[in-house]
C-alpha atoms as a PDB file:
ATOM      1  CA  LEU A   1    -106.381 -63.763 140.895  1.00  0.00           C
ATOM      2  CA  GLU A   2    -105.848 -67.704 143.469  1.00  0.00           C
ATOM      3  CA  PHE A   3    -107.606 -69.672 141.391  1.00  0.00           C
ATOM      4  CA  ARG A   4    -107.191 -68.400 137.584  1.00  0.00           C
ATOM      5  CA  ARG A   5    -103.173 -69.382 139.117  1.00  0.00           C
ATOM      6  CA  VAL A   6    -104.722 -73.023 139.669  1.00  0.00           C
ATOM      7  CA  LEU A   7    -106.539 -72.356 136.224  1.00  0.00           C
ATOM      8  CA  PHE A   8    -103.260 -71.524 133.931  1.00  0.00           C
ATOM      9  CA  ARG A   9    -100.687 -74.116 136.714  1.00  0.00           C
ATOM     10  CA  SER A  10    -103.212 -76.929 135.270  1.00  0.00           C
ATOM     11  CA  CYS A  11    -102.926 -75.811 130.907  1.00  0.00           C
ATOM     12  CA  ASP A  12    -100.373 -77.633 128.781  1.00  0.00           C
ATOM     13  CA  ALA A  13     -98.867 -74.238 126.642  1.00  0.00           C
ATOM     14  CA  ILE A  14     -99.945 -70.884 126.190  1.00  0.00           C
ATOM     15  CA  MET A  15    -101.395 -69.173 122.781  1.00  0.00           C
ATOM     16  CA  VAL A  16    -100.060 -65.571 122.560  1.00  0.00           C
ATOM     17  CA  LEU A  17    -102.170 -64.163 119.943  1.00  0.00           C
ATOM     18  CA  GLY A  18    -101.314 -61.355 117.904  1.00  0.00           C
ATOM     19  CA  ALA A  19    -102.733 -58.274 117.247  1.00  0.00           C
ATOM     20  CA  GLY A  20    -100.960 -56.112 114.245  1.00  0.00           C
ATOM     21  CA  VAL A  21     -97.825 -55.520 113.375  1.00  0.00           C
ATOM     22  CA  ALA A  22     -96.371 -52.891 110.109  1.00  0.00           C
ATOM     23  CA  SER A  23     -92.982 -53.058 108.431  1.00  0.00           C
ATOM     24  CA  PHE A  24     -91.673 -49.222 107.573  1.00  0.00           C
ATOM     25  CA  GLY A  25     -88.850 -48.571 105.283  1.00  0.00           C
ATOM     26  CA  LEU A  26     -86.596 -45.786 104.084  1.00  0.00           C
ATOM     27  CA  HIS A  27     -83.275 -45.702 102.146  1.00  0.00           C
ATOM     28  CA  GLY A  28     -82.594 -49.252 101.954  1.00  0.00           C
ATOM     29  CA  SER A  29     -83.000 -49.765 105.859  1.00  0.00           C
ATOM     30  CA  GLU A  30     -86.240 -51.715 107.139  1.00  0.00           C
ATOM     31  CA  VAL A  31     -87.837 -52.311 110.461  1.00  0.00           C
ATOM     32  CA  SER A  32     -91.076 -54.362 111.732  1.00  0.00           C
ATOM     33  CA  VAL A  33     -92.869 -52.738 114.599  1.00  0.00           C
ATOM     34  CA  PRO A  34     -95.427 -54.872 116.551  1.00  0.00           C
ATOM     35  CA  ASP A  35     -99.264 -52.762 117.186  1.00  0.00           C
ATOM     36  CA  ARG A  36     -99.432 -51.704 120.773  1.00  0.00           C
ATOM     37  CA  GLN A  37    -101.970 -54.251 122.053  1.00  0.00           C
ATOM     38  CA  THR A  38     -99.544 -57.311 119.964  1.00  0.00           C
ATOM     39  CA  ILE A  39     -96.885 -56.307 122.852  1.00  0.00           C
ATOM     40  CA  PHE A  40     -99.307 -56.120 125.621  1.00  0.00           C
ATOM     41  CA  ASN A  41    -100.015 -59.480 124.229  1.00  0.00           C
ATOM     42  CA  ALA A  42     -96.141 -61.206 124.901  1.00  0.00           C
ATOM     43  CA  PHE A  43     -96.361 -58.978 127.918  1.00  0.00           C
ATOM     44  CA  GLU A  44     -99.173 -60.886 129.489  1.00  0.00           C
ATOM     45  CA  GLY A  45     -98.259 -64.273 128.299  1.00  0.00           C
ATOM     46  CA  ALA A  46     -95.050 -63.604 130.057  1.00  0.00           C
ATOM     47  CA  ARG A  47     -96.645 -62.605 133.355  1.00  0.00           C
ATOM     48  CA  VAL A  48     -98.551 -65.401 132.393  1.00  0.00           C
ATOM     49  CA  TYR A  49     -95.665 -67.875 132.126  1.00  0.00           C
ATOM     50  CA  GLY A  50     -93.760 -66.770 135.457  1.00  0.00           C
ATOM     51  CA  LEU A  51     -97.373 -68.166 137.037  1.00  0.00           C
ATOM     52  CA  MET A  52     -96.145 -71.747 136.105  1.00  0.00           C
ATOM     53  CA  ARG A  53     -94.819 -74.417 138.391  1.00  0.00           C
ATOM     54  CA  ALA A  54     -93.245 -75.701 135.331  1.00  0.00           C
ATOM     55  CA  PRO A  55     -91.234 -74.424 131.997  1.00  0.00           C
ATOM     56  CA  VAL A  56     -94.399 -74.818 128.999  1.00  0.00           C
ATOM     57  CA  PRO A  57     -94.257 -73.887 125.413  1.00  0.00           C
ATOM     58  CA  VAL A  58     -95.877 -70.479 124.829  1.00  0.00           C
ATOM     59  CA  VAL A  59     -96.509 -69.840 120.498  1.00  0.00           C
ATOM     60  CA  ALA A  60     -96.561 -66.852 118.928  1.00  0.00           C
ATOM     61  CA  SER A  61     -98.932 -66.300 116.495  1.00  0.00           C
ATOM     62  CA  GLY A  62     -98.685 -64.211 113.755  1.00  0.00           C
ATOM     63  CA  GLY A  63     -97.890 -64.461 110.211  1.00  0.00           C
ATOM     64  CA  VAL A  64     -97.555 -61.864 107.152  1.00  0.00           C
ATOM     65  CA  VAL A  65    -101.267 -60.282 106.784  1.00  0.00           C
ATOM     66  CA  ASN A  66    -100.929 -57.723 104.162  1.00  0.00           C
ATOM     67  CA  THR A  67     -97.670 -57.572 102.356  1.00  0.00           C
ATOM     68  CA  ASP A  68     -98.273 -54.030 101.509  1.00  0.00           C
ATOM     69  CA  TRP A  69     -97.325 -52.840 104.705  1.00  0.00           C
ATOM     70  CA  GLN A  70     -95.916 -56.277 106.126  1.00  0.00           C
ATOM     71  CA  HIS A  71     -92.830 -57.675 106.208  1.00  0.00           C
ATOM     72  CA  GLN A  72     -91.328 -59.890 108.708  1.00  0.00           C
ATOM     73  CA  ALA A  73     -94.332 -62.264 110.615  1.00  0.00           C
ATOM     74  CA  GLU A  74     -95.412 -61.225 113.741  1.00  0.00           C
ATOM     75  CA  SER A  75     -94.818 -64.583 115.303  1.00  0.00           C
ATOM     76  CA  GLY A  76     -90.722 -63.524 115.570  1.00  0.00           C
ATOM     77  CA  LEU A  77     -91.427 -60.653 116.830  1.00  0.00           C
ATOM     78  CA  ILE A  78     -93.708 -62.071 119.522  1.00  0.00           C
ATOM     79  CA  ARG A  79     -91.063 -64.331 120.326  1.00  0.00           C
ATOM     80  CA  ASP A  80     -88.202 -61.423 120.999  1.00  0.00           C
ATOM     81  CA  LEU A  81     -91.065 -59.897 123.472  1.00  0.00           C
ATOM     82  CA  LEU A  82     -91.727 -62.816 124.874  1.00  0.00           C
ATOM     83  CA  VAL A  83     -87.320 -63.477 125.732  1.00  0.00           C
ATOM     84  CA  LYS A  84     -86.893 -59.859 126.360  1.00  0.00           C
ATOM     85  CA  ALA A  85     -89.988 -60.415 128.992  1.00  0.00           C
ATOM     86  CA  GLY A  86     -88.219 -63.325 130.229  1.00  0.00           C
ATOM     87  CA  VAL A  87     -89.055 -66.768 128.823  1.00  0.00           C
ATOM     88  CA  PRO A  88     -86.559 -68.690 127.482  1.00  0.00           C
ATOM     89  CA  ALA A  89     -86.219 -68.644 124.179  1.00  0.00           C
ATOM     90  CA  ALA A  90     -85.863 -72.360 123.804  1.00  0.00           C
ATOM     91  CA  GLN A  91     -89.297 -72.427 125.589  1.00  0.00           C
ATOM     92  CA  VAL A  92     -90.842 -70.523 122.708  1.00  0.00           C
ATOM     93  CA  VAL A  93     -92.603 -72.093 119.767  1.00  0.00           C
ATOM     94  CA  LEU A  94     -93.840 -69.875 116.271  1.00  0.00           C
ATOM     95  CA  ASP A  95     -96.751 -70.100 114.153  1.00  0.00           C
ATOM     96  CA  SER A  96     -95.607 -67.644 111.215  1.00  0.00           C
ATOM     97  CA  GLU A  97     -98.531 -68.699 108.998  1.00  0.00           C
ATOM     98  CA  SER A  98    -102.092 -67.757 110.806  1.00  0.00           C
ATOM     99  CA  THR A  99    -103.207 -64.389 109.325  1.00  0.00           C
ATOM    100  CA  SER A 100    -106.345 -64.218 111.661  1.00  0.00           C
ATOM    101  CA  THR A 101    -107.915 -65.187 114.979  1.00  0.00           C
ATOM    102  CA  HIS A 102    -109.737 -68.418 112.792  1.00  0.00           C
ATOM    103  CA  GLU A 103    -106.848 -69.476 111.161  1.00  0.00           C
ATOM    104  CA  GLN A 104    -105.115 -69.399 114.412  1.00  0.00           C
ATOM    105  CA  ALA A 105    -107.830 -71.399 115.603  1.00  0.00           C
ATOM    106  CA  VAL A 106    -107.261 -73.980 112.832  1.00  0.00           C
ATOM    107  CA  LYS A 107    -103.840 -74.694 113.024  1.00  0.00           C
ATOM    108  CA  LEU A 108    -102.846 -74.154 116.190  1.00  0.00           C
ATOM    109  CA  SER A 109    -105.817 -76.650 117.215  1.00  0.00           C
ATOM    110  CA  SER A 110    -103.767 -79.121 115.211  1.00  0.00           C
ATOM    111  CA  LEU A 111    -100.241 -78.043 116.410  1.00  0.00           C
ATOM    112  CA  ILE A 112    -102.178 -78.628 120.399  1.00  0.00           C
ATOM    113  CA  ALA A 113    -103.856 -82.227 119.456  1.00  0.00           C
ATOM    114  CA  SER A 114    -100.396 -83.387 117.600  1.00  0.00           C
ATOM    115  CA  LYS A 115     -98.350 -82.263 121.165  1.00  0.00           C
ATOM    116  CA  GLY A 116    -100.869 -84.305 123.409  1.00  0.00           C
ATOM    117  CA  TRP A 117    -102.131 -80.772 125.158  1.00  0.00           C
ATOM    118  CA  ARG A 118    -104.769 -81.195 127.182  1.00  0.00           C
ATOM    119  CA  ARG A 119    -105.841 -77.516 128.050  1.00  0.00           C
ATOM    120  CA  VAL A 120    -104.022 -73.879 127.347  1.00  0.00           C
ATOM    121  CA  VAL A 121    -104.249 -70.704 128.011  1.00  0.00           C
ATOM    122  CA  LEU A 122    -105.217 -68.178 125.145  1.00  0.00           C
ATOM    123  CA  VAL A 123    -104.012 -64.373 125.245  1.00  0.00           C
ATOM    124  CA  ALA A 124    -105.672 -61.935 123.365  1.00  0.00           C
ATOM    125  CA  PRO A 125    -107.581 -58.759 124.345  1.00  0.00           C
ATOM    126  CA  SER A 126    -110.407 -58.362 126.284  1.00  0.00           C
ATOM    127  CA  ALA A 127    -112.088 -56.929 123.088  1.00  0.00           C
ATOM    128  CA  GLN A 128    -111.482 -59.664 121.099  1.00  0.00           C
ATOM    129  CA  MET A 129    -111.328 -62.980 123.700  1.00  0.00           C
ATOM    130  CA  PRO A 130    -114.237 -63.724 123.380  1.00  0.00           C
ATOM    131  CA  ARG A 131    -113.996 -64.059 119.310  1.00  0.00           C
ATOM    132  CA  ALA A 132    -111.031 -65.662 119.955  1.00  0.00           C
ATOM    133  CA  LEU A 133    -112.502 -68.113 122.797  1.00  0.00           C
ATOM    134  CA  GLY A 134    -115.278 -68.855 120.949  1.00  0.00           C
ATOM    135  CA  ALA A 135    -112.876 -70.253 117.447  1.00  0.00           C
ATOM    136  CA  PHE A 136    -110.683 -71.343 119.738  1.00  0.00           C
ATOM    137  CA  ARG A 137    -113.453 -74.017 121.395  1.00  0.00           C
ATOM    138  CA  ALA A 138    -114.972 -74.219 117.403  1.00  0.00           C
ATOM    139  CA  GLN A 139    -112.229 -76.269 117.173  1.00  0.00           C
ATOM    140  CA  GLY A 140    -112.168 -78.141 120.409  1.00  0.00           C
ATOM    141  CA  VAL A 141    -109.628 -76.306 122.613  1.00  0.00           C
ATOM    142  CA  ALA A 142    -109.872 -76.396 125.862  1.00  0.00           C
ATOM    143  CA  ALA A 143    -108.241 -72.434 126.381  1.00  0.00           C
ATOM    144  CA  VAL A 144    -107.848 -70.678 129.939  1.00  0.00           C
ATOM    145  CA  PRO A 145    -108.761 -66.706 128.621  1.00  0.00           C
ATOM    146  CA  ALA A 146    -105.880 -64.541 130.046  1.00  0.00           C
ATOM    147  CA  GLU A 147    -106.864 -61.378 128.778  1.00  0.00           C
ATOM    148  CA  ALA A 148    -103.575 -58.760 127.797  1.00  0.00           C
ATOM    149  CA  PRO A 149    -104.404 -54.840 128.814  1.00  0.00           C
ATOM    150  CA  PHE A 150    -104.340 -52.268 126.300  1.00  0.00           C
ATOM    151  CA  HIS A 151    -102.629 -50.119 128.890  1.00  0.00           C
ATOM    152  CA  SER A 152     -99.163 -49.279 129.874  1.00  0.00           C
ATOM    153  CA  ASP A 153     -98.028 -48.552 133.377  1.00  0.00           C
ATOM    154  CA  PHE A 154     -97.209 -45.332 132.321  1.00  0.00           C
ATOM    155  CA  PRO A 155     -99.096 -42.617 132.462  1.00  0.00           C
ATOM    156  CA  VAL A 156     -99.794 -41.288 128.675  1.00  0.00           C
ATOM    157  CA  SER A 157    -101.971 -38.215 129.671  1.00  0.00           C
ATOM    158  CA  THR A 158    -102.621 -36.092 132.514  1.00  0.00           C
ATOM    159  CA  PRO A 159    -105.732 -36.903 134.140  1.00  0.00           C
ATOM    160  CA  GLN A 160    -107.248 -33.417 133.248  1.00  0.00           C
ATOM    161  CA  TRP A 161    -107.135 -34.151 129.371  1.00  0.00           C
ATOM    162  CA  ARG A 162    -108.713 -37.567 130.217  1.00  0.00           C
ATOM    163  CA  TRP A 163    -111.611 -36.527 129.035  1.00  0.00           C
ATOM    164  CA  VAL A 164    -110.708 -34.639 125.214  1.00  0.00           C
ATOM    165  CA  PRO A 165    -110.984 -36.330 122.179  1.00  0.00           C
ATOM    166  CA  ASP A 166    -107.394 -37.602 121.514  1.00  0.00           C
ATOM    167  CA  PRO A 167    -105.753 -40.017 118.588  1.00  0.00           C
ATOM    168  CA  GLY A 168    -105.341 -42.729 121.727  1.00  0.00           C
ATOM    169  CA  ALA A 169    -109.177 -42.828 122.269  1.00  0.00           C
ATOM    170  CA  LEU A 170    -109.574 -43.061 118.629  1.00  0.00           C
ATOM    171  CA  VAL A 171    -107.656 -46.286 118.609  1.00  0.00           C
ATOM    172  CA  LEU A 172    -109.079 -48.268 121.510  1.00  0.00           C
ATOM    173  CA  SER A 173    -112.597 -47.734 119.721  1.00  0.00           C
ATOM    174  CA  THR A 174    -111.881 -48.468 115.910  1.00  0.00           C
ATOM    175  CA  ARG A 175    -110.269 -51.801 117.715  1.00  0.00           C
ATOM    176  CA  ALA A 176    -113.454 -52.667 119.771  1.00  0.00           C
ATOM    177  CA  ALA A 177    -114.799 -51.817 116.363  1.00  0.00           C
ATOM    178  CA  TYR A 178    -113.362 -54.000 114.283  1.00  0.00           C
ATOM    179  CA  ASP A 179    -113.418 -57.143 117.426  1.00  0.00           C
ATOM    180  CA  TYR A 180    -117.347 -56.141 117.226  1.00  0.00           C
ATOM    181  CA  VAL A 181    -118.123 -56.927 113.945  1.00  0.00           C
ATOM    182  CA  GLY A 182    -114.943 -59.657 113.601  1.00  0.00           C
ATOM    183  CA  TRP A 183    -117.386 -61.041 116.127  1.00  0.00           C
ATOM    184  CA  ALA A 184    -120.816 -61.023 114.436  1.00  0.00           C
ATOM    185  CA  TYR A 185    -119.039 -61.949 111.137  1.00  0.00           C
ATOM    186  CA  TYR A 186    -117.153 -65.388 112.855  1.00  0.00           C
ATOM    187  CA  TRP A 187    -121.102 -65.641 113.783  1.00  0.00           C
ATOM    188  CA  LEU A 188    -122.379 -65.055 110.736  1.00  0.00           C
ATOM    189  CA  ARG A 189    -119.460 -67.925 109.494  1.00  0.00           C
ATOM    190  CA  GLY A 190    -119.670 -70.445 111.773  1.00  0.00           C
ATOM    191  CA  TRP A 191    -116.758 -70.202 113.506  1.00  0.00           C
ATOM    192  CA  LEU A 192    -117.550 -69.985 117.026  1.00  0.00           C
END
C-alpha cells in the first residue's frame, strides 16, 4: 500500500474513465444516471486525490456514446461525484468528447503532452484496466493503475443468498465479457 501511495504521488494528474450513463425522461422531466461502475471510478479517483501531497488536476472523461439513451456527457456526472467526494471543483478538468477507451487514450494523450505531465494515475475497474493501460501506453502515456472496485461498502444481499443467481451477478458477468471482448478487439486493431 505504501509503495502504491509513493507511485501515485509521483504522478502529475489523475484520469478517471467513465463506464456508462443512461438518461431517463417522462412528462418533460429528465435525469441522467451514471452506471454504478462510473460512480466507483469517481470515488476511487477522489480517494487517490486525497493521497496526493499537493493538489493535482483530475480529468473526468466520458462523452455521449449514443443519443438514444444518453443526453448528458458522462464527464459532468463524474465531476459532480468527484466534488461530492471531496475533490475541489477547480481541480477537475472535463473531457466530454471521448466515447470509448481508445478515444480517451488518444484525446487525453494530447492533453497530457500539452500540459507536460510526465506520469498519470489511470482509474478504471480491474476488468477494464489491462485494455485501458494498453491503450494509454500505446499513445506513449506513462500511467499508474488505480483499480476501482465494482462493489459497495454497503451490503446488498444476505450471505445465505450469495450463490443464487441475481441481477447483480448478471451485470458483473456482462461487464467482464464486454471487457474481454473489448481487449481482443483492441489487440486486433493494434490499439494496445
